[in-house]
C-alpha atoms as a PDB file:
ATOM      1  CA  MET A   1      -2.440   5.342 -17.030  1.00  0.00           C
ATOM      2  CA  ALA A   2      -1.354   1.865 -18.127  1.00  0.00           C
ATOM      3  CA  LEU A   3      -1.981   0.230 -14.752  1.00  0.00           C
ATOM      4  CA  LEU A   4      -5.688   0.976 -14.963  1.00  0.00           C
ATOM      5  CA  ASN A   5      -5.977  -0.946 -18.229  1.00  0.00           C
ATOM      6  CA  ARG A   6      -4.655  -4.200 -16.820  1.00  0.00           C
ATOM      7  CA  PRO A   7      -7.033  -6.899 -15.623  1.00  0.00           C
ATOM      8  CA  TYR A   8      -7.869  -6.736 -11.933  1.00  0.00           C
ATOM      9  CA  PRO A   9      -9.465  -9.505  -9.914  1.00  0.00           C
ATOM     10  CA  ALA A  10     -13.244  -9.231 -10.183  1.00  0.00           C
ATOM     11  CA  ARG A  11     -13.543  -7.797  -6.677  1.00  0.00           C
ATOM     12  CA  PHE A  12     -11.587  -4.630  -7.585  1.00  0.00           C
ATOM     13  CA  HIS A  13     -13.246  -1.815  -9.477  1.00  0.00           C
ATOM     14  CA  ILE A  14     -11.060   1.173 -10.249  1.00  0.00           C
ATOM     15  CA  ILE A  15     -13.311   4.152  -9.603  1.00  0.00           C
ATOM     16  CA  SER A  16     -10.905   7.050  -9.471  1.00  0.00           C
ATOM     17  CA  GLY A  17      -7.485   8.142 -10.570  1.00  0.00           C
ATOM     18  CA  PRO A  18      -4.267   7.413  -8.713  1.00  0.00           C
ATOM     19  CA  PHE A  19      -4.003   7.548  -4.956  1.00  0.00           C
ATOM     20  CA  HIS A  20      -2.366  10.840  -3.947  1.00  0.00           C
ATOM     21  CA  CYS A  21       0.384  11.514  -1.443  1.00  0.00           C
ATOM     22  CA  PRO A  22      -0.438  14.198   1.129  1.00  0.00           C
ATOM     23  CA  THR A  23       1.888  17.109   1.795  1.00  0.00           C
ATOM     24  CA  GLN A  24       3.015  18.081   5.269  1.00  0.00           C
ATOM     25  CA  THR A  25       0.158  20.595   5.415  1.00  0.00           C
ATOM     26  CA  GLY A  26      -2.388  17.881   4.558  1.00  0.00           C
ATOM     27  CA  ARG A  27      -3.255  18.988   1.014  1.00  0.00           C
ATOM     28  CA  ARG A  28      -2.802  16.756  -2.038  1.00  0.00           C
ATOM     29  CA  ALA A  29       0.620  16.915  -3.614  1.00  0.00           C
ATOM     30  CA  ALA A  30       0.814  18.688  -6.953  1.00  0.00           C
ATOM     31  CA  LYS A  31       2.407  16.999  -9.954  1.00  0.00           C
ATOM     32  CA  GLY A  32       6.178  17.399  -9.718  1.00  0.00           C
ATOM     33  CA  GLU A  33       6.089  18.662  -6.117  1.00  0.00           C
ATOM     34  CA  SER A  34       9.360  18.591  -4.171  1.00  0.00           C
ATOM     35  CA  PRO A  35       9.768  15.636  -1.798  1.00  0.00           C
ATOM     36  CA  SER A  36      10.724  18.031   1.019  1.00  0.00           C
ATOM     37  CA  THR A  37       7.065  19.142   1.217  1.00  0.00           C
ATOM     38  CA  MET A  38       5.649  15.617   1.090  1.00  0.00           C
ATOM     39  CA  ASP A  39       4.480  13.625   4.100  1.00  0.00           C
ATOM     40  CA  PHE A  40       5.421  10.080   3.148  1.00  0.00           C
ATOM     41  CA  HIS A  41       4.850   9.016   6.768  1.00  0.00           C
ATOM     42  CA  LYS A  42       1.133   9.887   6.453  1.00  0.00           C
ATOM     43  CA  TRP A  43       0.957   8.226   3.038  1.00  0.00           C
ATOM     44  CA  THR A  44       2.499   5.050   4.447  1.00  0.00           C
ATOM     45  CA  GLU A  45       0.096   4.995   7.400  1.00  0.00           C
ATOM     46  CA  HIS A  46      -2.833   5.537   5.047  1.00  0.00           C
ATOM     47  CA  LEU A  47      -1.662   2.637   2.849  1.00  0.00           C
ATOM     48  CA  TRP A  48      -1.524   0.389   5.927  1.00  0.00           C
ATOM     49  CA  ASN A  49      -5.012   1.508   6.975  1.00  0.00           C
ATOM     50  CA  ILE A  50      -6.322   0.640   3.517  1.00  0.00           C
ATOM     51  CA  TYR A  51      -4.576  -2.745   3.570  1.00  0.00           C
ATOM     52  CA  PHE A  52      -6.178  -3.566   6.920  1.00  0.00           C
ATOM     53  CA  SER A  53      -9.637  -2.354   5.924  1.00  0.00           C
ATOM     54  CA  SER A  54     -12.201  -4.067   3.762  1.00  0.00           C
ATOM     55  CA  ASP A  55     -13.019  -0.932   1.707  1.00  0.00           C
ATOM     56  CA  GLN A  56     -12.719  -2.152  -1.891  1.00  0.00           C
ATOM     57  CA  ASP A  57     -12.816   1.314  -3.446  1.00  0.00           C
ATOM     58  CA  GLU A  58      -9.924   2.625  -1.357  1.00  0.00           C
ATOM     59  CA  GLN A  59      -7.966  -0.579  -1.924  1.00  0.00           C
ATOM     60  CA  ALA A  60      -8.438  -0.295  -5.686  1.00  0.00           C
ATOM     61  CA  ALA A  61      -7.273   3.332  -5.722  1.00  0.00           C
ATOM     62  CA  ALA A  62      -4.189   2.426  -3.665  1.00  0.00           C
ATOM     63  CA  LEU A  63      -3.392  -0.518  -5.959  1.00  0.00           C
ATOM     64  CA  ALA A  64      -3.658   1.805  -8.958  1.00  0.00           C
ATOM     65  CA  SER A  65      -0.926   3.981  -7.447  1.00  0.00           C
ATOM     66  CA  LEU A  66       1.667   1.182  -7.598  1.00  0.00           C
ATOM     67  CA  ALA A  67       4.365   1.476 -10.233  1.00  0.00           C
ATOM     68  CA  GLU A  68       3.936  -1.332 -12.772  1.00  0.00           C
ATOM     69  CA  ASP A  69       7.483  -2.616 -12.206  1.00  0.00           C
ATOM     70  CA  CYS A  70       7.432  -2.365  -8.400  1.00  0.00           C
ATOM     71  CA  SER A  71       8.902  -5.027  -6.143  1.00  0.00           C
ATOM     72  CA  ILE A  72       6.937  -6.105  -3.085  1.00  0.00           C
ATOM     73  CA  ILE A  73       8.319  -8.429  -0.434  1.00  0.00           C
ATOM     74  CA  GLY A  74       5.865  -9.671   2.182  1.00  0.00           C
ATOM     75  CA  THR A  75       6.389 -11.467   5.455  1.00  0.00           C
ATOM     76  CA  GLY A  76       5.772 -14.994   4.128  1.00  0.00           C
ATOM     77  CA  THR A  77       8.367 -17.029   2.268  1.00  0.00           C
ATOM     78  CA  VAL A  78       6.280 -17.008  -0.921  1.00  0.00           C
ATOM     79  CA  GLU A  79       5.325 -13.331  -0.733  1.00  0.00           C
ATOM     80  CA  LEU A  80       7.727 -12.052  -3.391  1.00  0.00           C
ATOM     81  CA  TYR A  81       6.161  -9.990  -6.181  1.00  0.00           C
ATOM     82  CA  ASP A  82       8.122  -8.484  -9.063  1.00  0.00           C
ATOM     83  CA  SER A  83       5.267  -6.459 -10.533  1.00  0.00           C
ATOM     84  CA  ALA A  84       2.145  -4.613  -9.469  1.00  0.00           C
ATOM     85  CA  GLN A  85       0.017  -7.186 -11.303  1.00  0.00           C
ATOM     86  CA  ALA A  86       1.571 -10.111  -9.419  1.00  0.00           C
ATOM     87  CA  PHE A  87       0.816  -8.374  -6.109  1.00  0.00           C
ATOM     88  CA  ILE A  88      -2.718  -7.424  -7.199  1.00  0.00           C
ATOM     89  CA  ASP A  89      -3.466 -11.036  -8.107  1.00  0.00           C
ATOM     90  CA  ALA A  90      -2.179 -12.303  -4.738  1.00  0.00           C
ATOM     91  CA  PHE A  91      -3.939  -9.503  -2.838  1.00  0.00           C
ATOM     92  CA  GLY A  92      -7.238 -10.422  -4.490  1.00  0.00           C
ATOM     93  CA  LYS A  93      -6.820 -14.027  -3.325  1.00  0.00           C
ATOM     94  CA  GLU A  94      -5.914 -12.893   0.182  1.00  0.00           C
ATOM     95  CA  MET A  95      -8.945 -10.615   0.392  1.00  0.00           C
ATOM     96  CA  SER A  96     -11.184 -13.498  -0.719  1.00  0.00           C
ATOM     97  CA  MET A  97      -9.660 -15.687   1.984  1.00  0.00           C
ATOM     98  CA  ARG A  98     -10.193 -12.977   4.616  1.00  0.00           C
ATOM     99  CA  GLY A  99     -13.869 -12.837   3.684  1.00  0.00           C
ATOM    100  CA  GLY A 100     -14.151  -9.103   4.233  1.00  0.00           C
ATOM    101  CA  PHE A 101     -12.886  -9.185   7.807  1.00  0.00           C
ATOM    102  CA  PRO A 102     -10.275  -6.484   8.404  1.00  0.00           C
ATOM    103  CA  PHE A 103      -6.937  -7.130  10.088  1.00  0.00           C
ATOM    104  CA  GLN A 104      -6.198  -5.252  13.297  1.00  0.00           C
ATOM    105  CA  ARG A 105      -2.997  -3.401  14.074  1.00  0.00           C
ATOM    106  CA  LYS A 106      -1.200  -1.803  16.997  1.00  0.00           C
ATOM    107  CA  ASP A 107       2.235  -0.493  17.920  1.00  0.00           C
ATOM    108  CA  TYR A 108       2.705   1.205  14.532  1.00  0.00           C
ATOM    109  CA  TRP A 109       5.764   3.375  14.053  1.00  0.00           C
ATOM    110  CA  CYS A 110       7.309   4.880  10.915  1.00  0.00           C
ATOM    111  CA  GLN A 111      10.271   7.021   9.888  1.00  0.00           C
ATOM    112  CA  GLN A 112      10.767   8.965   6.653  1.00  0.00           C
ATOM    113  CA  ARG A 113      14.047   9.589   4.818  1.00  0.00           C
ATOM    114  CA  LEU A 114      14.445  11.550   1.583  1.00  0.00           C
ATOM    115  CA  LEU A 115      16.681   9.886  -1.019  1.00  0.00           C
ATOM    116  CA  GLY A 116      17.043  12.931  -3.280  1.00  0.00           C
ATOM    117  CA  GLU A 117      14.513  14.832  -5.373  1.00  0.00           C
ATOM    118  CA  GLU A 118      13.051  11.713  -7.020  1.00  0.00           C
ATOM    119  CA  ALA A 119      12.739   9.202  -4.176  1.00  0.00           C
ATOM    120  CA  ALA A 120      11.907   8.779  -0.502  1.00  0.00           C
ATOM    121  CA  LEU A 121      12.020   5.857   1.921  1.00  0.00           C
ATOM    122  CA  THR A 122       9.695   5.047   4.792  1.00  0.00           C
ATOM    123  CA  TYR A 123      10.436   2.231   7.194  1.00  0.00           C
ATOM    124  CA  GLY A 124       8.966   1.075  10.454  1.00  0.00           C
ATOM    125  CA  GLY A 125       7.244  -1.646  12.386  1.00  0.00           C
ATOM    126  CA  ILE A 126       3.744  -2.822  13.145  1.00  0.00           C
ATOM    127  CA  HIS A 127       1.981  -5.536  15.129  1.00  0.00           C
ATOM    128  CA  ILE A 128      -0.713  -7.336  13.105  1.00  0.00           C
ATOM    129  CA  PHE A 129      -3.405  -9.548  14.582  1.00  0.00           C
ATOM    130  CA  TRP A 130      -6.533 -11.229  13.245  1.00  0.00           C
ATOM    131  CA  GLU A 131      -8.649 -14.313  13.769  1.00  0.00           C
ATOM    132  CA  ASP A 132     -11.131 -15.690  11.275  1.00  0.00           C
ATOM    133  CA  PRO A 133     -14.719 -16.038  12.534  1.00  0.00           C
ATOM    134  CA  ALA A 134     -14.349 -19.815  12.932  1.00  0.00           C
ATOM    135  CA  GLY A 135     -11.143 -19.434  14.960  1.00  0.00           C
ATOM    136  CA  VAL A 136      -9.254 -21.644  12.511  1.00  0.00           C
ATOM    137  CA  VAL A 137      -6.740 -19.064  11.246  1.00  0.00           C
ATOM    138  CA  THR A 138      -5.032 -16.721  13.690  1.00  0.00           C
ATOM    139  CA  ILE A 139      -2.455 -14.052  12.896  1.00  0.00           C
ATOM    140  CA  ASP A 140      -0.466 -12.454  15.707  1.00  0.00           C
ATOM    141  CA  MET A 141       2.900 -11.094  14.624  1.00  0.00           C
ATOM    142  CA  ASP A 142       5.300  -8.196  14.756  1.00  0.00           C
ATOM    143  CA  THR A 143       6.673  -7.195  11.400  1.00  0.00           C
ATOM    144  CA  ARG A 144       8.864  -4.555   9.801  1.00  0.00           C
ATOM    145  CA  PHE A 145       8.318  -2.768   6.531  1.00  0.00           C
ATOM    146  CA  SER A 146      10.050  -0.429   4.116  1.00  0.00           C
ATOM    147  CA  ILE A 147       8.550   1.443   1.192  1.00  0.00           C
ATOM    148  CA  VAL A 148      10.424   3.389  -1.469  1.00  0.00           C
ATOM    149  CA  PHE A 149       8.378   6.105  -3.140  1.00  0.00           C
ATOM    150  CA  GLN A 150       9.590   7.317  -6.523  1.00  0.00           C
ATOM    151  CA  ARG A 151       8.489  10.174  -8.723  1.00  0.00           C
ATOM    152  CA  ILE A 152       7.608   8.752 -12.144  1.00  0.00           C
ATOM    153  CA  ASP A 153       6.493  11.145 -14.886  1.00  0.00           C
ATOM    154  CA  GLY A 154       5.852  13.791 -12.230  1.00  0.00           C
ATOM    155  CA  GLN A 155       3.627  11.529 -10.074  1.00  0.00           C
ATOM    156  CA  TRP A 156       4.703   9.993  -6.775  1.00  0.00           C
ATOM    157  CA  ARG A 157       4.186   6.216  -6.677  1.00  0.00           C
END
């Protein structure tokens, strides 16, 4: 897997293979599995949980599941990433800034829409809040998201 060979920020250590999408019955999806059996809603919620956590191993596995040429658009005006590596670099800086303190979330909702046999879309909303220990930086915002999952070489990413 090419993504695993790229340099990660020092805080990330890839310890396992790609992050796997669950099926609607909760088992791991098999290579080439039909999107109609996949639970992209659960996958999306799990990705959010990982993003909000401070578990480096889970974060690294999730980052390894990104397609190399993905596009990621965040909520800030400068949060535009045209590759997995660009996002990984920025995520490493953000995690350093957070200092290991996890974000909190509430009011999460998500919908799933199949876009054929090779792609699926999830979209939804979430309320994010966090305050650094010194009380200097506070985050309290509602945001929307959309994620397109695509099957690449038989693997969902």
